[in-house]
Every structure is written in structure tokens, then in C-alpha cells.
Protein backbone atom coordinates (compact mmCIF):
# COMPACT_ATOMS: atom_id res chain seq x y z
CA UNK A 1 253.65 85.84 180.03
CA UNK A 2 255.78 87.44 176.99
CA UNK A 3 257.03 90.99 177.95
CA UNK A 4 256.10 92.78 174.72
CA UNK A 5 257.40 96.20 174.76
CA UNK A 6 259.60 98.38 177.08
CA UNK A 7 257.13 100.00 179.04
CA UNK A 8 255.84 96.28 179.92
CA UNK A 9 259.76 95.39 180.58
CA UNK A 10 260.25 98.20 182.83
CA UNK A 11 256.89 97.52 184.94
CA UNK A 12 257.95 93.62 185.45
CA UNK A 13 261.15 95.13 186.68
CA UNK A 14 260.05 97.88 188.95
CA UNK A 15 257.66 94.85 190.09
CA UNK A 16 260.52 92.49 190.98
CA UNK A 17 262.36 95.42 192.36
CA UNK A 18 259.62 96.12 195.35
CA UNK A 19 258.90 92.33 195.72
CA UNK A 20 262.62 92.07 196.59
CA UNK A 21 262.46 94.74 198.52
CA UNK A 22 259.70 93.49 200.64
CA UNK A 23 261.09 90.28 201.38
CA UNK A 24 264.41 92.23 202.62
CA UNK A 25 266.26 91.82 199.16
CA UNK A 26 268.74 94.57 198.73
CA UNK A 27 270.45 93.13 195.29
CA UNK A 28 269.95 90.48 192.91
CA UNK A 29 271.77 88.90 189.68
CA UNK A 30 270.71 88.70 186.24
CA UNK A 31 272.21 85.64 184.92
CA UNK A 32 272.30 85.57 181.35
CA UNK A 33 270.54 88.65 179.78
CA UNK A 34 271.84 89.84 176.04
CA UNK A 35 271.78 89.08 172.18
CA UNK A 36 271.26 85.67 171.70
CA UNK A 37 267.47 85.68 173.64
CA UNK A 38 266.17 88.75 171.40
CA UNK A 39 264.06 86.00 169.74
CA UNK A 40 263.29 84.05 173.53
CA UNK A 41 259.64 83.48 173.69
CA UNK A 42 259.59 85.11 177.09
CA UNK A 43 261.04 88.58 176.10
CA UNK A 44 262.78 88.65 179.56
CA UNK A 45 266.43 88.24 178.34
CA UNK A 46 267.86 90.06 175.45
CA UNK A 47 268.62 93.60 174.86
CA UNK A 48 265.65 95.42 175.58
CA UNK A 49 265.72 94.08 178.84
CA UNK A 50 269.35 95.79 179.00
CA UNK A 51 268.37 98.90 177.61
CA UNK A 52 265.07 98.88 180.42
CA UNK A 53 267.75 97.95 183.11
CA UNK A 54 270.07 101.23 182.07
CA UNK A 55 267.08 103.78 181.35
CA UNK A 56 265.62 102.57 184.80
CA UNK A 57 269.32 103.50 186.56
CA UNK A 58 269.85 106.48 185.00
CA UNK A 59 266.52 108.06 186.35
CA UNK A 60 267.39 106.76 189.48
CA UNK A 61 264.41 104.01 189.70
CA UNK A 62 266.28 101.10 190.99
CA UNK A 63 265.56 99.93 194.32
CA UNK A 64 268.13 96.97 194.08
CA UNK A 65 271.36 96.81 193.07
CA UNK A 66 271.59 94.95 190.20
CA UNK A 67 274.17 92.56 188.39
CA UNK A 68 274.45 91.42 185.06
CA UNK A 69 275.97 88.34 183.04
CA UNK A 70 275.88 88.81 179.23
CA UNK A 71 274.76 85.83 177.66
CA UNK A 72 275.35 85.60 173.93
CA UNK A 73 273.87 82.64 172.29
CA UNK A 74 270.27 81.32 173.41
CA UNK A 75 269.18 80.56 177.21
CA UNK A 76 269.70 76.92 177.51
CA UNK A 77 271.08 76.51 173.81
CA UNK A 78 274.51 75.93 172.06
CA UNK A 79 277.37 78.84 171.85
CA UNK A 80 278.87 80.02 168.55
CA UNK A 81 282.20 80.80 168.64
CA UNK A 82 281.92 83.78 166.91
CA UNK A 83 278.82 85.45 168.65
CA UNK A 84 280.55 84.97 171.81
CA UNK A 85 283.57 86.40 170.95
CA UNK A 86 281.66 89.49 169.47
CA UNK A 87 279.58 89.88 172.38
CA UNK A 88 282.67 89.38 175.02
CA UNK A 89 284.33 92.50 172.79
CA UNK A 90 281.19 94.55 173.07
CA UNK A 91 280.57 93.88 176.86
CA UNK A 92 281.55 96.84 179.52
CA UNK A 93 284.15 96.01 181.48
CA UNK A 94 283.27 98.12 184.08
CA UNK A 95 280.03 99.27 185.47
CA UNK A 96 277.09 100.71 183.63
CA UNK A 97 275.23 102.60 186.25
CA UNK A 98 275.40 105.17 189.11
CA UNK A 99 276.03 102.39 191.23
CA UNK A 100 272.71 100.31 190.95
CA UNK A 101 273.20 98.12 187.64
CA UNK A 102 276.82 96.34 187.30
CA UNK A 103 278.39 94.42 184.89
CA UNK A 104 279.58 91.69 186.65
CA UNK A 105 280.95 89.25 183.70
CA UNK A 106 279.71 87.13 181.26
CA UNK A 107 277.71 83.68 180.90
CA UNK A 108 278.51 80.71 178.54
CA UNK A 109 276.77 77.37 178.60
CA UNK A 110 279.38 74.62 178.45
CA UNK A 111 277.03 71.81 178.85
CA UNK A 112 273.61 70.63 178.96
CA UNK A 113 271.77 68.49 182.70
CA UNK A 114 272.00 64.77 183.95
CA UNK A 115 268.53 64.06 183.55
CA UNK A 116 268.92 64.68 179.36
CA UNK A 117 272.49 62.64 179.26
CA UNK A 118 273.65 65.52 178.21
CA UNK A 119 276.24 67.08 180.47
CA UNK A 120 279.18 66.47 179.63
CA UNK A 121 280.44 63.51 182.09
CA UNK A 122 283.77 61.36 182.73
CA UNK A 123 281.86 58.40 183.30
CA UNK A 124 279.39 56.89 181.41
CA UNK A 125 275.43 57.25 181.54
CA UNK A 126 273.58 53.80 181.30
CA UNK A 127 273.41 53.73 177.34
CA UNK A 128 276.81 54.53 177.58
CA UNK A 129 277.07 57.91 176.41
CA UNK A 130 279.06 61.22 178.45
CA UNK A 131 276.88 64.16 176.92
CA UNK A 132 279.24 67.15 175.57
CA UNK A 133 280.03 70.25 175.11
CA UNK A 134 277.83 73.19 173.68
CA UNK A 135 280.07 75.27 172.51
CA UNK A 136 281.51 75.94 169.37
CA UNK A 137 280.70 72.99 166.39
CA UNK A 138 282.75 69.85 165.55
CA UNK A 139 284.15 67.03 167.43
CA UNK A 140 284.93 67.33 170.81
CA UNK A 141 288.02 68.57 170.51
CA UNK A 142 287.09 71.22 168.41
CA UNK A 143 284.23 72.28 170.99
CA UNK A 144 287.14 72.30 173.77
CA UNK A 145 289.14 74.40 171.93
CA UNK A 146 286.44 76.97 171.49
CA UNK A 147 285.24 76.87 174.95
CA UNK A 148 288.42 77.25 176.28
CA UNK A 149 289.04 80.61 172.94
CA UNK A 150 285.39 81.48 174.90
CA UNK A 151 286.52 81.79 179.08
CA UNK A 152 290.41 83.15 177.15
CA UNK A 153 288.75 85.82 175.52
CA UNK A 154 286.68 87.05 178.83
CA UNK A 155 289.63 86.79 181.05
CA UNK A 156 291.94 88.71 179.37
CA UNK A 157 289.28 91.58 178.99
CA UNK A 158 289.09 91.28 182.82
CA UNK A 159 285.21 89.80 183.12
CA UNK A 160 284.40 87.23 185.15
CA UNK A 161 282.96 84.17 183.68
CA UNK A 162 279.97 82.07 185.02
CA UNK A 163 279.64 78.46 183.07
CA UNK A 164 277.01 76.67 183.10
CA UNK A 165 278.38 73.56 183.44
CA UNK A 166 277.08 70.74 185.40
CA UNK A 167 278.80 67.61 184.25
CA UNK A 168 282.24 66.68 186.01
CA UNK A 169 284.27 66.54 183.05
CA UNK A 170 283.34 70.14 182.00
CA UNK A 171 283.45 71.10 185.41
CA UNK A 172 287.07 69.82 185.14
CA UNK A 173 288.09 71.41 182.19
CA UNK A 174 286.89 75.28 183.44
CA UNK A 175 289.00 74.47 186.54
CA UNK A 176 291.65 73.02 184.92
CA UNK A 177 291.47 76.06 182.02
CA UNK A 178 291.47 79.02 184.69
CA UNK A 179 294.45 76.95 186.31
CA UNK A 180 296.54 77.54 183.11
CA UNK A 181 295.82 81.14 182.95
CA UNK A 182 296.93 81.39 185.94
CA UNK A 183 294.25 81.75 188.11
CA UNK A 184 291.05 83.81 188.60
CA UNK A 185 292.89 86.67 189.64
CA UNK A 186 290.43 88.45 191.32
CA UNK A 187 287.47 88.51 188.52
CA UNK A 188 285.09 85.69 190.49
CA UNK A 189 284.76 83.34 188.06
CA UNK A 190 282.42 81.00 189.13
CA UNK A 191 280.91 77.91 188.04
CA UNK A 192 276.96 78.25 187.53
CA UNK A 193 275.22 74.65 188.72
CA UNK A 194 278.22 71.90 189.04
CA UNK A 195 275.85 69.03 189.96
CA UNK A 196 278.31 66.34 189.55
């Protein structure tokens, strides 16, 4: 169901914390929260959720340590260069609460998924396509340049970058870029999924 209003969001977070504790889980990662989902259909990933986590952390009400990845586009959707760069500039580079709420970095959707033929691949799908990047606009080279600009901006701010990348070509582009930047520098850059 849609989470409407601060009370419903806080109740859901507390319910999740109780469930996690009952299973012996003491920490979890919110893999994409931010303004890109403020108009999302569920109410589970937008800035009101970040605000609820911050209120609960300030009240010492969280029962699990929570890491957050900032998301500056729609979940499973395109990442616009200007929007992502603005989000990176405003995302905390340090912990955001009294030890229980942590800004862990940012998430960027790079490509889609193999079953839909939208993962960016070296080898063609049966229909001859290679999928493509969801970063920026324009042709493949322009989208790759936008992706590299996003990752470089986060890296230089000291933020871990989690890329939703499922195709071998998108994963390879990310690894190549991190190598060109001199390595991860202990920031914890990572590929989310990496199916191919």
C-alpha cells in the first residue's frame, strides 16, 4: 500500500526495525532514497522517507543501523545529468545521525535488465540490439560521458557509488572509469546486480 504522511512512514520504518531485530538483523541498507522518487507510486523512496529516518534517529528510536544510498532519478528510470549532479552536491558525505543512520553514498541507474533487452551488452540480443545506458541524453557516447561525469563527481566528493548495472558493457565501463580515477580509494564503490 501507498505510504501517505509522516506517521505512516515512521510506523513502517519502526515495523521493519522490529521485524529485522526478530530475525537477528542489526543493520540494513536503503538502496535508493531521494527526490527522484518524490512522485513515486508507493511513497517508500522519496525525501519524506529520509526525513522520517532522520526524525527517528534523532529520537534514538531506530533499532537497526541504517545505511542510505541517495537516488536522484526515478527508481528503475533514467538518470538526468543535471539532476544527479545537483543531488550529489547536496548529499551528505558523512554520517547523518547519531551512529544509527549513515549516508553510505549514491545510487545511479546505468542500464536496464537482460529480460527486457535493456542491459547494455557487448554481444547482441537475439533481435540484434545491445540495450543502452540510462544516463544522460543523446547517443551512446553522450550517455557514457554523462555517466562518467556523474561517477567522477561522486568519487571526488568522497561518496561511495553504487551503480545499477546488469550488462557486461555497463559493468566494464564502470570498472574502467574507477581504474582511470585511480581506484576506489576505500570508498566502497560497487556494482548492484552485475548479472552479466
